[in-house]
Amino acid sequence: MNPFREQQILQTRRQFFGKAAVGIGTAALASLLNPSLFAAAAAESVAKGRGVLGKPHFPAKAKRVIYLFMAGGPSQLDLYDYKPMLEKFHEKELPATVRMGQRITGMTSGQSSLPVVKSLFKFAQHGKSGQWFSDVIPNIASLADDIAVIKTVNTEAINHDPAITYIQTGFQQAGRPSMGAWMNYGLGSENENLPGFVVMISSGKDADQPLFARLWGSGFLPSEHQGVQFRGKGDPVLYLSNPDGLSSTVRRRMLDGLAKLNAKQFDEFADPETQTRIAQYEMAYRMQTSVPELVDLSKESAATLEMYGPDVKKPGSFAYNCLLARRMAEKDVRFIQLYHRGWDQHGNLPNRIREQCADTDRASAALVKDLKQRGLLDDTLVVWGGEFGRTVYCQGKIEKENYGRDHHGRCFSIWMAGGGVKGGTTYGETDDYGYNVAKDPVHIHDSNATILHCLGIDHEKLTYRFQGRDFRLTDIHGHVVKPILA
């Protein structure tokens, strides 16, 4: 963030005329040299949580996003991308004409061979659309006519940290704003009692891949737009409860005093982070009432709880987080990000992927069905996917129930539902090996541009000037994937 530019933007007409040493002629000259002095309305809009855009660039199909992020890289070949020819290619060396010299990770670069391994799971067509799904995700398969599966998502990154940073922020190196921060900055929040961007994390049995808070950070955007993490144990948000001996009345008086001190500091220095601090203190105070109500599942019906599965009553589980995501959608939280760790299956893939799907399949489908039956799916975009996929060749030796797959960014599968997406759609084709894109590639910049489009945002126009350049989520790339749109 450039403090000088923020000072210019936040300067109001009253402040400008009050501080001007000479008359209207100087004011006119200043308005020509610096038009942002008269942009008080835009600054006020951001300050009140409406977002810098004020309204979307064009009519939006979605008002909010729920992003189910499968951290670690789920194997598209064992879930969505059915490749019957792998039965023929099984245990044979991956042809050099298919690999085409692709850079691979250090975990398989030392192997003497790269043998192809078929999926052990059975695939079948589902719904009127006839989309193919593995038998390890029967509940997601039941959504066949409600979701659009994109099979040709691709990324240049082949290791976890740059890959997950890339798809979440549009750049492989840390420091850029996350997708949720961009949406919060652009569109603001429609609920003054809850954050506009909420993050929840769950973990599978073997979840050794770390997640960093910068993945939901605001980067160079004002810090009020960063994600707020809800925890699975104790208070959902740190320091939400009053300390022992401190009543709500005393806390209110304390915040009023802090607000006055911060207001004086802002008048002197005009640092926008001071306003953020004031706003976040107030948000925290309101959350003391709104968050306990949000996480109270006592009024959910037995049928609803049953739909999400037995883990739904376990705080911190994926099922519990999915149900909270639906409740947040009802309260118009703008961007809800669920991370589920444990998809990094370099070994023992068949057993580990069964465990991961047991954690996520039922709840993922329940979330979509729950939103649909409540009339919320039409304006809620649900996204399911990871940072990359897995290789068709085996990592280690091919054994019946104990083989792995390495990272693969050339093509992998994600799906979207609701909020402007055409259900029952399969987009893109991969080759017989599931190794390269054969038709209709979708770069991660394209998928991100499509997500923004569903919210009425032109991805080329939501920008922020930092260090002399206008930045955006899709960097200088990205095309909307129009064939999947309703």
Protein backbone atom coordinates (compact mmCIF):
# COMPACT_ATOMS: atom_id res chain seq x y z
CA MET A 1 0.00 0.00 0.00
CA ASN A 2 1.23 3.49 -0.91
CA PRO A 3 0.48 5.80 2.07
CA PHE A 4 0.85 8.93 -0.05
CA ARG A 5 -1.73 7.74 -2.56
CA GLU A 6 -4.06 6.62 0.23
CA GLN A 7 -3.72 10.09 1.79
CA GLN A 8 -4.81 11.57 -1.54
CA ILE A 9 -7.78 9.25 -1.93
CA LEU A 10 -8.99 9.69 1.63
CA GLN A 11 -8.79 13.47 1.54
CA THR A 12 -12.33 14.86 1.50
CA ARG A 13 -13.58 18.12 0.01
CA ARG A 14 -14.10 19.62 3.46
CA GLN A 15 -10.54 18.74 4.51
CA PHE A 16 -9.16 20.10 1.27
CA PHE A 17 -10.95 23.45 1.39
CA GLY A 18 -10.31 23.76 5.12
CA LYS A 19 -6.57 23.39 4.61
CA ALA A 20 -6.25 25.41 1.41
CA ALA A 21 -4.21 28.55 2.02
CA VAL A 22 -5.67 30.48 -0.88
CA GLY A 23 -9.01 30.71 -2.62
CA ILE A 24 -10.94 28.94 -5.28
CA GLY A 25 -8.26 29.45 -7.92
CA THR A 26 -5.87 27.21 -6.01
CA ALA A 27 -8.67 24.73 -5.51
CA ALA A 28 -9.36 24.66 -9.24
CA LEU A 29 -5.68 24.16 -10.02
CA ALA A 30 -5.43 21.39 -7.45
CA SER A 31 -8.47 19.63 -8.90
CA LEU A 32 -6.80 19.58 -12.29
CA LEU A 33 -3.52 18.32 -10.90
CA ASN A 34 -5.12 15.79 -8.53
CA PRO A 35 -8.73 14.79 -9.33
CA SER A 36 -8.69 12.17 -6.55
CA LEU A 37 -9.12 14.98 -4.03
CA PHE A 38 -12.77 15.07 -5.09
CA ALA A 39 -13.27 11.31 -4.90
CA ALA A 40 -14.70 11.48 -1.39
CA ALA A 41 -17.79 9.55 -2.39
CA ALA A 42 -15.69 6.56 -3.45
CA ALA A 43 -13.65 6.68 -0.26
CA GLU A 44 -16.82 6.88 1.82
CA SER A 45 -18.23 3.88 -0.04
CA VAL A 46 -15.20 1.75 0.87
CA ALA A 47 -15.27 2.96 4.47
CA LYS A 48 -18.89 1.84 4.84
CA GLY A 49 -18.15 -1.67 3.59
CA ARG A 50 -19.73 -1.31 0.17
CA GLY A 51 -16.54 -1.97 -1.74
CA VAL A 52 -14.57 0.21 -4.11
CA LEU A 53 -16.78 -0.69 -7.10
CA GLY A 54 -19.96 0.47 -5.40
CA LYS A 55 -21.82 -2.08 -7.52
CA PRO A 56 -20.78 -4.88 -9.94
CA HIS A 57 -19.63 -3.98 -13.46
CA PHE A 58 -22.65 -5.86 -14.89
CA PRO A 59 -25.62 -7.80 -13.46
CA ALA A 60 -24.26 -10.57 -11.27
CA LYS A 61 -25.58 -14.13 -11.13
CA ALA A 62 -23.79 -14.83 -7.83
CA LYS A 63 -23.72 -12.72 -4.69
CA ARG A 64 -21.23 -14.87 -2.81
CA VAL A 65 -18.68 -17.67 -3.24
CA ILE A 66 -18.06 -20.83 -1.23
CA TYR A 67 -14.67 -22.23 -2.26
CA LEU A 68 -14.00 -25.82 -1.16
CA PHE A 69 -10.24 -26.02 -1.56
CA MET A 70 -8.75 -29.53 -1.50
CA ALA A 71 -5.20 -28.70 -0.43
CA GLY A 72 -2.55 -31.10 -1.66
CA GLY A 73 -3.76 -31.92 -5.16
CA PRO A 74 -6.59 -34.47 -5.55
CA SER A 75 -6.05 -37.09 -8.24
CA GLN A 76 -8.31 -36.24 -11.17
CA LEU A 77 -7.59 -39.65 -12.70
CA ASP A 78 -9.16 -41.39 -9.69
CA LEU A 79 -12.12 -39.02 -9.30
CA TYR A 80 -13.34 -37.21 -12.44
CA ASP A 81 -11.23 -37.85 -15.55
CA TYR A 82 -12.16 -41.35 -16.75
CA LYS A 83 -9.45 -42.88 -18.93
CA PRO A 84 -10.39 -46.42 -20.08
CA MET A 85 -7.22 -46.70 -22.20
CA LEU A 86 -5.13 -46.82 -19.01
CA GLU A 87 -6.19 -50.45 -18.70
CA LYS A 88 -4.13 -51.07 -21.84
CA PHE A 89 -1.24 -48.80 -20.83
CA HIS A 90 -1.01 -50.08 -17.23
CA GLU A 91 2.60 -50.75 -16.06
CA LYS A 92 4.04 -49.58 -19.38
CA GLU A 93 6.51 -46.71 -19.57
CA LEU A 94 5.01 -43.27 -20.19
CA PRO A 95 6.04 -42.46 -23.80
CA ALA A 96 8.48 -39.61 -24.28
CA THR A 97 6.15 -38.25 -26.97
CA VAL A 98 3.50 -37.79 -24.27
CA ARG A 99 5.74 -36.35 -21.59
CA MET A 100 7.50 -34.04 -24.08
CA GLY A 101 10.34 -33.27 -21.71
CA GLN A 102 8.13 -31.82 -18.99
CA ARG A 103 9.91 -30.77 -15.84
CA ILE A 104 8.99 -33.11 -12.98
CA THR A 105 9.51 -32.87 -9.23
CA GLY A 106 12.57 -34.14 -7.40
CA MET A 107 10.46 -36.90 -5.90
CA THR A 108 10.24 -38.84 -9.19
CA SER A 109 13.07 -37.33 -11.23
CA GLY A 110 15.43 -39.96 -9.84
CA GLN A 111 13.25 -42.92 -10.77
CA SER A 112 14.69 -45.22 -13.43
CA SER A 113 11.28 -45.45 -15.10
CA LEU A 114 7.89 -43.74 -15.09
CA PRO A 115 5.33 -46.56 -15.41
CA VAL A 116 1.69 -45.72 -16.10
CA VAL A 117 -0.76 -46.85 -13.43
CA LYS A 118 -4.50 -47.20 -14.01
CA SER A 119 -7.11 -46.19 -11.47
CA LEU A 120 -8.31 -48.96 -9.17
CA PHE A 121 -11.73 -47.37 -8.92
CA LYS A 122 -14.72 -47.98 -11.13
CA PHE A 123 -16.24 -45.15 -13.14
CA ALA A 124 -19.84 -44.75 -14.24
CA GLN A 125 -22.03 -42.15 -15.93
CA HIS A 126 -24.53 -40.23 -13.80
CA GLY A 127 -27.58 -38.04 -14.28
CA LYS A 128 -29.23 -36.99 -17.50
CA SER A 129 -25.97 -35.34 -18.49
CA GLY A 130 -24.09 -38.64 -18.32
CA GLN A 131 -21.04 -37.17 -16.61
CA TRP A 132 -18.39 -39.67 -15.49
CA PHE A 133 -17.50 -40.04 -11.81
CA SER A 134 -15.49 -42.52 -9.77
CA ASP A 135 -17.30 -44.78 -7.31
CA VAL A 136 -15.24 -43.24 -4.50
CA ILE A 137 -17.33 -40.02 -4.73
CA PRO A 138 -20.93 -41.31 -5.00
CA ASN A 139 -22.47 -38.23 -3.37
CA ILE A 140 -20.74 -35.74 -5.63
CA ALA A 141 -21.74 -38.00 -8.54
CA SER A 142 -25.38 -37.48 -7.52
CA LEU A 143 -24.86 -33.78 -8.38
CA ALA A 144 -24.06 -34.59 -12.02
CA ASP A 145 -26.79 -32.37 -13.43
CA ASP A 146 -26.06 -29.49 -11.04
CA ILE A 147 -22.32 -29.04 -11.52
CA ALA A 148 -19.93 -28.12 -14.32
CA VAL A 149 -16.75 -30.19 -14.34
CA ILE A 150 -13.71 -28.56 -15.98
CA LYS A 151 -11.13 -31.23 -16.84
CA THR A 152 -8.42 -29.07 -18.38
CA VAL A 153 -7.43 -26.63 -15.65
CA ASN A 154 -3.67 -26.10 -15.80
CA THR A 155 -0.87 -24.32 -13.98
CA GLU A 156 2.88 -23.86 -14.45
CA ALA A 157 3.62 -24.58 -10.78
CA ILE A 158 4.64 -28.12 -9.78
CA ASN A 159 5.29 -27.72 -6.05
CA HIS A 160 2.71 -27.04 -3.36
CA ASP A 161 3.61 -23.63 -2.01
CA PRO A 162 3.98 -21.79 -5.33
CA ALA A 163 1.00 -23.69 -6.78
CA ILE A 164 -1.44 -22.92 -3.99
CA THR A 165 -0.17 -19.34 -3.77
CA TYR A 166 -0.63 -19.02 -7.55
CA ILE A 167 -4.23 -20.21 -7.73
CA GLN A 168 -5.24 -18.23 -4.64
CA THR A 169 -3.50 -14.94 -5.46
CA GLY A 170 -2.64 -15.02 -9.17
CA PHE A 171 1.12 -15.10 -8.56
CA GLN A 172 3.53 -17.82 -7.48
CA GLN A 173 5.39 -15.65 -4.98
CA ALA A 174 3.91 -14.44 -1.72
CA GLY A 175 2.73 -10.86 -1.28
CA ARG A 176 -0.31 -10.50 -3.54
CA PRO A 177 -3.89 -10.23 -2.23
CA SER A 178 -5.93 -13.42 -2.05
CA MET A 179 -9.07 -13.96 -4.11
CA GLY A 180 -11.33 -13.38 -1.12
CA ALA A 181 -9.53 -10.13 -0.30
CA TRP A 182 -10.02 -8.92 -3.89
CA MET A 183 -13.75 -9.66 -3.70
CA ASN A 184 -14.10 -8.02 -0.31
CA TYR A 185 -12.25 -4.97 -1.61
CA GLY A 186 -14.30 -4.75 -4.79
CA LEU A 187 -17.80 -5.57 -3.56
CA GLY A 188 -17.60 -5.12 0.19
CA SER A 189 -19.79 -6.89 2.73
CA GLU A 190 -23.57 -7.11 2.98
CA ASN A 191 -23.52 -8.09 6.66
CA GLU A 192 -22.11 -5.54 9.09
CA ASN A 193 -22.01 -8.08 11.92
CA LEU A 194 -19.81 -10.68 10.23
CA PRO A 195 -16.59 -10.43 8.19
CA GLY A 196 -16.96 -10.34 4.42
CA PHE A 197 -14.26 -13.01 4.04
CA VAL A 198 -14.16 -16.06 6.32
CA VAL A 199 -11.72 -19.00 6.29
CA MET A 200 -12.13 -22.45 7.89
CA ILE A 201 -9.60 -25.30 7.88
CA SER A 202 -10.08 -29.04 8.33
CA SER A 203 -7.63 -31.90 7.95
CA GLY A 204 -7.64 -35.48 6.77
CA LYS A 205 -5.90 -38.35 8.50
CA ASP A 206 -2.49 -37.76 6.89
CA ALA A 207 -2.35 -33.98 6.49
CA ASP A 208 1.29 -32.96 6.53
CA GLN A 209 1.14 -30.10 4.02
CA PRO A 210 1.14 -26.71 5.84
CA LEU A 211 -1.16 -23.79 5.07
CA PHE A 212 -0.06 -20.21 5.62
CA ALA A 213 -2.23 -17.26 6.66
CA ARG A 214 -0.93 -15.26 3.70
CA LEU A 215 -3.15 -17.48 1.50
CA TRP A 216 -6.11 -15.50 2.82
CA GLY A 217 -4.16 -12.30 3.36
CA SER A 218 -4.80 -8.88 1.87
CA GLY A 219 -1.31 -8.34 0.43
CA PHE A 220 -1.00 -4.69 -0.50
CA LEU A 221 -4.76 -4.06 -0.18
CA PRO A 222 -5.96 -2.42 3.05
CA SER A 223 -5.75 -5.04 5.78
CA GLU A 224 -9.50 -4.87 6.56
CA HIS A 225 -10.02 -7.08 3.50
CA GLN A 226 -8.00 -10.08 4.72
CA GLY A 227 -9.79 -13.28 5.65
CA VAL A 228 -10.86 -13.96 9.23
CA GLN A 229 -10.07 -17.52 10.28
CA PHE A 230 -12.70 -19.42 12.26
CA ARG A 231 -11.13 -22.06 14.51
CA GLY A 232 -12.35 -25.57 15.21
CA LYS A 233 -11.64 -25.47 18.95
CA GLY A 234 -12.42 -22.93 21.65
CA ASP A 235 -13.73 -19.54 20.56
CA PRO A 236 -14.37 -19.61 16.80
CA VAL A 237 -12.38 -16.36 16.56
CA LEU A 238 -9.42 -15.54 18.80
CA TYR A 239 -10.11 -13.10 21.65
CA LEU A 240 -13.83 -13.05 20.86
CA SER A 241 -14.82 -13.53 24.50
CA ASN A 242 -14.29 -10.83 27.08
CA PRO A 243 -11.44 -11.52 29.52
CA ASP A 244 -12.41 -12.57 33.02
CA GLY A 245 -13.63 -9.58 35.00
CA LEU A 246 -14.35 -7.44 31.94
CA SER A 247 -18.04 -6.84 31.25
CA SER A 248 -19.56 -5.91 27.91
CA THR A 249 -20.29 -2.43 29.26
CA VAL A 250 -16.66 -1.86 30.21
CA ARG A 251 -15.50 -3.22 26.86
CA ARG A 252 -17.85 -0.83 25.07
CA ARG A 253 -16.45 2.13 26.98
CA MET A 254 -12.92 0.96 26.26
CA LEU A 255 -13.63 0.73 22.51
CA ASP A 256 -15.22 4.19 22.52
CA GLY A 257 -12.09 5.59 24.13
CA LEU A 258 -9.84 3.80 21.64
CA ALA A 259 -11.93 5.08 18.75
CA LYS A 260 -11.44 8.68 19.89
CA LEU A 261 -7.67 8.20 20.20
CA ASN A 262 -7.47 6.52 16.80
CA ALA A 263 -9.60 9.27 15.23
CA LYS A 264 -7.14 11.88 16.50
CA GLN A 265 -4.27 9.89 15.08
CA PHE A 266 -6.02 9.65 11.72
CA ASP A 267 -6.67 13.41 11.63
CA GLU A 268 -2.95 13.95 12.12
CA PHE A 269 -1.44 11.29 9.86
CA ALA A 270 -4.34 10.12 7.62
CA ASP A 271 -3.00 6.57 7.66
CA PRO A 272 -5.84 4.39 6.23
CA GLU A 273 -4.77 1.52 8.49
CA THR A 274 -5.99 3.64 11.41
CA GLN A 275 -9.49 3.54 9.97
CA THR A 276 -9.11 -0.20 9.50
CA ARG A 277 -8.18 -0.56 13.15
CA ILE A 278 -11.27 1.38 14.26
CA ALA A 279 -13.54 -0.66 11.96
CA GLN A 280 -12.07 -4.00 13.06
CA TYR A 281 -12.49 -3.19 16.76
CA GLU A 282 -16.15 -2.43 16.10
CA MET A 283 -16.57 -5.57 14.00
CA ALA A 284 -15.08 -7.68 16.79
CA TYR A 285 -17.54 -6.17 19.28
CA ARG A 286 -20.52 -6.97 17.04
CA MET A 287 -19.19 -10.48 16.41
CA GLN A 288 -19.47 -11.24 20.12
CA THR A 289 -23.19 -11.60 19.47
CA SER A 290 -23.33 -12.68 15.82
CA VAL A 291 -20.72 -15.48 15.92
CA PRO A 292 -22.17 -17.52 18.84
CA GLU A 293 -25.52 -17.40 17.05
CA LEU A 294 -23.87 -18.47 13.80
CA VAL A 295 -22.20 -21.57 15.27
CA ASP A 296 -25.25 -22.66 17.28
CA LEU A 297 -26.55 -25.68 15.36
CA SER A 298 -29.33 -26.50 17.83
CA LYS A 299 -32.03 -25.20 15.49
CA GLU A 300 -30.89 -27.28 12.51
CA SER A 301 -33.29 -30.11 11.71
CA ALA A 302 -32.34 -33.75 12.19
CA ALA A 303 -32.76 -34.27 8.44
CA THR A 304 -30.27 -31.50 7.67
CA LEU A 305 -27.69 -32.86 10.12
CA GLU A 306 -28.14 -36.35 8.70
CA MET A 307 -27.54 -35.05 5.18
CA TYR A 308 -24.10 -33.69 6.12
CA GLY A 309 -23.10 -36.91 7.90
CA PRO A 310 -21.99 -38.00 11.38
CA ASP A 311 -19.04 -35.60 11.59
CA VAL A 312 -21.26 -32.52 11.29
CA LYS A 313 -21.40 -32.10 15.07
CA LYS A 314 -17.61 -32.18 15.41
CA PRO A 315 -16.30 -28.58 15.36
CA GLY A 316 -13.39 -28.30 12.94
CA SER A 317 -14.47 -31.21 10.73
CA PHE A 318 -15.10 -30.65 7.02
CA ALA A 319 -18.78 -31.52 7.44
CA TYR A 320 -19.16 -29.02 10.29
CA ASN A 321 -17.43 -26.34 8.23
CA CYS A 322 -19.69 -27.03 5.23
CA LEU A 323 -22.80 -26.55 7.36
CA LEU A 324 -21.36 -23.32 8.78
CA ALA A 325 -20.65 -22.22 5.21
CA ARG A 326 -24.33 -22.62 4.35
CA ARG A 327 -25.30 -20.65 7.44
CA MET A 328 -22.83 -17.91 6.45
CA ALA A 329 -24.30 -17.85 2.95
CA GLU A 330 -27.71 -17.22 4.49
CA LYS A 331 -26.20 -14.24 6.29
CA ASP A 332 -24.61 -12.89 3.09
CA VAL A 333 -20.94 -13.43 3.91
CA ARG A 334 -19.28 -12.56 0.60
CA PHE A 335 -16.46 -15.12 0.36
CA ILE A 336 -16.27 -18.35 2.37
CA GLN A 337 -13.11 -20.41 1.97
CA LEU A 338 -12.87 -23.97 3.26
CA TYR A 339 -9.49 -25.69 3.14
CA HIS A 340 -9.28 -29.45 3.64
CA ARG A 341 -5.74 -30.73 3.99
CA GLY A 342 -4.42 -34.20 3.17
CA TRP A 343 -4.65 -34.73 -0.61
CA ASP A 344 -0.88 -35.02 -1.13
CA GLN A 345 -0.84 -38.74 -1.92
CA HIS A 346 2.64 -39.75 -3.04
CA GLY A 347 2.16 -43.22 -1.56
CA ASN A 348 -0.68 -45.50 -0.48
CA LEU A 349 -2.98 -43.48 -2.74
CA PRO A 350 -5.91 -45.92 -2.99
CA ASN A 351 -6.40 -46.10 0.77
CA ARG A 352 -5.66 -42.45 1.46
CA ILE A 353 -7.98 -41.15 -1.25
CA ARG A 354 -10.79 -43.30 0.18
CA GLU A 355 -10.19 -41.65 3.56
CA GLN A 356 -10.19 -38.16 2.06
CA CYS A 357 -13.38 -38.82 0.13
CA ALA A 358 -15.01 -40.23 3.26
CA ASP A 359 -14.27 -36.87 4.89
CA THR A 360 -15.41 -34.66 2.03
CA ASP A 361 -17.71 -36.36 -0.49
CA ARG A 362 -20.93 -36.46 1.54
CA ALA A 363 -20.58 -32.97 3.00
CA SER A 364 -19.62 -31.37 -0.34
CA ALA A 365 -22.75 -32.78 -1.98
CA ALA A 366 -24.88 -31.93 1.07
CA LEU A 367 -23.79 -28.30 0.88
CA VAL A 368 -24.91 -27.96 -2.75
CA LYS A 369 -28.21 -29.76 -2.08
CA ASP A 370 -28.85 -27.75 1.07
CA LEU A 371 -28.25 -24.46 -0.76
CA LYS A 372 -30.49 -25.60 -3.60
CA GLN A 373 -33.43 -26.61 -1.42
CA ARG A 374 -33.27 -23.25 0.38
CA GLY A 375 -33.19 -21.25 -2.84
CA LEU A 376 -29.62 -20.08 -2.22
CA LEU A 377 -27.78 -21.98 -4.95
CA ASP A 378 -28.97 -19.63 -7.69
CA ASP A 379 -26.94 -16.75 -6.23
CA THR A 380 -24.17 -18.74 -4.51
CA LEU A 381 -21.21 -20.00 -6.53
CA VAL A 382 -19.67 -23.20 -5.12
CA VAL A 383 -16.16 -24.15 -6.32
CA TRP A 384 -14.39 -27.47 -5.58
CA GLY A 385 -10.73 -28.07 -6.49
CA GLY A 386 -7.06 -28.05 -5.49
CA GLU A 387 -3.81 -26.43 -6.59
CA PHE A 388 -2.98 -29.12 -9.17
CA GLY A 389 -3.69 -32.78 -9.95
CA ARG A 390 -1.68 -36.01 -9.95
CA THR A 391 0.43 -37.80 -12.55
CA VAL A 392 -0.64 -40.80 -14.59
CA TYR A 393 2.71 -42.40 -13.87
CA CYS A 394 3.44 -44.10 -10.60
CA GLN A 395 5.61 -42.76 -7.84
CA GLY A 396 7.50 -45.70 -6.37
CA LYS A 397 6.68 -49.30 -7.27
CA ILE A 398 3.32 -50.38 -8.62
CA GLU A 399 1.66 -52.46 -5.95
CA LYS A 400 -2.02 -53.31 -5.69
CA GLU A 401 -2.88 -51.01 -2.80
CA ASN A 402 0.34 -49.12 -2.21
CA TYR A 403 1.35 -46.80 -5.01
CA GLY A 404 1.37 -43.03 -5.32
CA ARG A 405 1.11 -40.30 -7.91
CA ASP A 406 3.28 -37.19 -8.12
CA HIS A 407 2.24 -33.55 -8.66
CA HIS A 408 0.75 -32.73 -12.06
CA GLY A 409 -0.13 -29.24 -13.23
CA ARG A 410 -0.62 -29.82 -16.96
CA CYS A 411 -4.26 -30.80 -16.55
CA PHE A 412 -6.50 -31.38 -13.57
CA SER A 413 -10.20 -31.21 -12.72
CA ILE A 414 -12.32 -28.79 -10.70
CA TRP A 415 -16.06 -28.27 -10.55
CA MET A 416 -18.40 -25.34 -10.04
CA ALA A 417 -22.09 -25.17 -9.16
CA GLY A 418 -24.79 -22.51 -8.80
CA GLY A 419 -24.37 -18.75 -9.25
CA GLY A 420 -24.45 -18.49 -13.05
CA VAL A 421 -22.92 -21.90 -13.87
CA LYS A 422 -24.61 -24.33 -16.26
CA GLY A 423 -25.13 -27.64 -14.47
CA GLY A 424 -24.58 -30.96 -16.21
CA THR A 425 -21.64 -29.57 -18.17
CA THR A 426 -18.30 -31.20 -18.90
CA TYR A 427 -15.72 -28.83 -20.34
CA GLY A 428 -12.34 -29.70 -21.84
CA GLU A 429 -10.70 -32.95 -22.87
CA THR A 430 -7.38 -34.55 -21.98
CA ASP A 431 -5.45 -37.12 -23.98
CA ASP A 432 -5.79 -40.89 -23.52
CA TYR A 433 -3.20 -40.80 -20.76
CA GLY A 434 -4.84 -37.92 -18.92
CA TYR A 435 -1.46 -36.21 -19.14
CA ASN A 436 -1.93 -33.33 -21.60
CA VAL A 437 -4.80 -31.09 -22.62
CA ALA A 438 -6.33 -32.27 -25.89
CA LYS A 439 -9.06 -29.65 -26.18
CA ASP A 440 -10.16 -26.41 -24.48
CA PRO A 441 -7.40 -25.58 -21.97
CA VAL A 442 -8.38 -23.55 -18.90
CA HIS A 443 -5.52 -21.81 -17.14
CA ILE A 444 -6.00 -20.95 -13.48
CA HIS A 445 -6.21 -17.29 -14.53
CA ASP A 446 -9.17 -18.30 -16.71
CA SER A 447 -10.95 -20.10 -13.88
CA ASN A 448 -10.38 -17.12 -11.57
CA ALA A 449 -11.66 -14.72 -14.23
CA THR A 450 -14.77 -16.89 -14.53
CA ILE A 451 -15.38 -16.83 -10.78
CA LEU A 452 -15.16 -13.03 -10.79
CA HIS A 453 -17.46 -12.88 -13.82
CA CYS A 454 -20.17 -14.80 -11.96
CA LEU A 455 -20.11 -12.02 -9.34
CA GLY A 456 -20.52 -9.36 -12.00
CA ILE A 457 -16.86 -8.34 -11.97
CA ASP A 458 -14.81 -7.68 -15.09
CA HIS A 459 -11.49 -9.16 -13.97
CA GLU A 460 -9.57 -6.60 -16.05
CA LYS A 461 -11.23 -3.68 -14.26
CA LEU A 462 -10.88 -4.67 -10.60
CA THR A 463 -7.41 -3.22 -10.03
CA TYR A 464 -5.30 -1.62 -7.33
CA ARG A 465 -2.34 0.67 -7.97
CA PHE A 466 0.74 -0.34 -6.01
CA GLN A 467 4.35 0.73 -6.56
CA GLY A 468 3.47 2.44 -9.83
CA ARG A 469 1.53 -0.42 -11.39
CA ASP A 470 -2.13 -1.47 -11.54
CA PHE A 471 -2.44 -5.00 -10.15
CA ARG A 472 -5.33 -7.44 -10.43
CA LEU A 473 -6.11 -11.04 -9.42
CA THR A 474 -5.51 -12.38 -12.93
CA ASP A 475 -2.27 -10.41 -13.40
CA ILE A 476 -2.19 -9.63 -17.16
CA HIS A 477 -3.95 -12.80 -18.28
CA GLY A 478 -7.28 -14.60 -18.08
CA HIS A 479 -10.36 -15.29 -20.21
CA VAL A 480 -13.86 -16.09 -18.97
CA VAL A 481 -14.86 -19.72 -19.69
CA LYS A 482 -18.20 -18.81 -21.26
CA PRO A 483 -19.35 -22.34 -22.29
CA ILE A 484 -19.88 -23.31 -18.63
CA LEU A 485 -22.05 -20.28 -17.90
CA ALA A 486 -25.85 -20.50 -17.76
